[in-house]
Protein backbone atom coordinates (compact mmCIF):
# COMPACT_ATOMS: atom_id res chain seq x y z
CA MET A 1 132.56 131.41 83.48
CA LYS A 2 133.21 130.83 87.17
CA PHE A 3 132.27 133.66 89.52
CA SER A 4 132.86 132.31 93.00
CA GLN A 5 136.36 131.92 94.33
CA ALA A 6 137.74 130.56 97.57
CA LEU A 7 138.75 133.27 100.01
CA ALA A 8 142.27 133.51 101.32
CA GLU A 9 142.74 132.39 104.93
CA ASP A 10 143.50 135.96 106.03
CA SER A 11 140.62 137.56 104.11
CA PRO A 12 138.49 139.94 106.17
CA PHE A 13 135.47 138.43 104.39
CA GLN A 14 135.94 134.93 105.81
CA ALA A 15 133.03 133.74 107.94
CA ARG A 16 133.70 133.95 111.64
CA GLU A 17 134.39 130.68 113.39
CA PHE A 18 131.05 130.89 115.21
CA ILE A 19 129.15 131.06 111.90
CA ALA A 20 131.28 129.09 109.44
CA GLY A 21 129.73 125.96 107.97
CA LYS A 22 126.40 126.16 109.81
CA ASP A 23 122.96 126.06 108.28
CA ALA A 24 120.30 128.54 109.40
CA VAL A 25 118.67 126.25 111.98
CA THR A 26 121.96 125.26 113.60
CA LEU A 27 123.12 128.87 113.73
CA ALA A 28 119.79 129.99 115.22
CA ARG A 29 120.03 127.31 117.92
CA ASP A 30 123.59 128.35 118.71
CA ILE A 31 122.62 132.02 118.95
CA MET A 32 119.77 131.15 121.32
CA ALA A 33 122.32 129.52 123.65
CA LEU A 34 124.56 132.61 123.84
CA ASP A 35 124.82 134.88 126.83
CA GLN A 36 126.06 138.46 126.52
CA GLU A 37 129.70 137.59 127.18
CA ALA A 38 129.77 134.80 124.58
CA PHE A 39 127.94 136.99 122.04
CA SER A 40 130.46 139.80 122.52
CA ALA A 41 133.38 137.41 122.12
CA ALA A 42 131.95 135.71 119.01
CA PHE A 43 131.12 138.95 117.22
CA ARG A 44 133.86 141.32 118.43
CA LYS A 45 134.45 144.02 115.78
CA SER A 46 131.59 142.69 113.68
CA PRO A 47 128.50 144.39 112.22
CA MET A 48 126.48 141.67 114.00
CA LYS A 49 126.99 143.62 117.23
CA ARG A 50 124.71 146.36 115.87
CA ALA A 51 121.75 143.99 116.21
CA LYS A 52 122.82 143.29 119.80
CA LEU A 53 122.16 139.98 121.50
CA VAL A 54 118.45 140.68 121.94
CA GLY A 55 117.99 141.42 118.22
CA SER A 56 119.98 138.35 117.24
CA LYS A 57 117.87 136.17 119.53
CA ARG A 58 114.68 137.68 118.10
CA ASN A 59 115.88 136.82 114.60
CA ALA A 60 116.93 133.33 115.68
CA LYS A 61 113.44 132.73 117.10
CA ALA A 62 111.91 133.82 113.81
CA VAL A 63 114.13 131.31 111.97
CA LEU A 64 113.28 128.48 114.37
CA GLY A 65 109.59 129.33 114.24
CA ASN A 66 109.63 129.19 110.45
CA VAL A 67 112.02 126.36 109.60
CA GLY A 68 112.90 124.71 112.90
CA THR A 69 111.77 121.25 113.91
CA ALA A 70 109.50 119.98 116.67
CA ASP A 71 112.65 119.70 118.79
CA ASP A 72 112.86 123.51 118.79
CA SER A 73 109.38 124.03 120.25
CA ASP A 74 110.58 123.68 123.86
CA GLY A 75 113.14 126.42 123.34
CA LEU A 76 110.53 128.66 121.78
CA ILE A 77 108.08 128.04 124.62
CA HIS A 78 110.77 128.92 127.20
CA SER A 79 111.31 132.15 125.29
CA ARG A 80 108.16 133.50 126.85
CA GLU A 81 110.31 134.03 129.94
CA GLU A 82 112.84 136.23 128.11
CA PRO A 83 113.27 139.65 129.74
CA ALA A 84 113.14 141.44 126.37
CA ALA A 85 109.59 142.03 125.15
CA ILE A 86 110.69 142.02 121.50
CA VAL A 87 111.97 138.45 121.89
CA ARG A 88 108.84 137.28 123.71
CA ALA A 89 106.64 138.79 121.01
CA HIS A 90 108.02 136.41 118.38
CA VAL A 91 106.74 133.34 120.17
CA GLU A 92 103.26 134.53 121.07
C-alpha cells in the first residue's frame, strides 16, 4: 500500500520556494543569511513567522552546531556578535 502522494502544484501544503528541496544544513545556512526583509518575504502568510527571524536563526544555529561542518564554525563564531541574546546563547 502506498501512502505518500505527490502534491498538486496549487496545493497549500507545497513547500515554499525558500525551503523546497533543501537539507537541514543548507536550510540553516540560508536562514542565517536572511535579514528581516528577506525573512518576511520568504515566509509571508506562513506559520514560520511566529518564530520570528531571531527564533529561526536560533534554531538554525542549533542545527549547524549539531550537524554542520567545520565550514560552519566561522558563522557560529560570528554569531557572538548577534544583537539577540537568545541567538548568542546557542554558540557559547
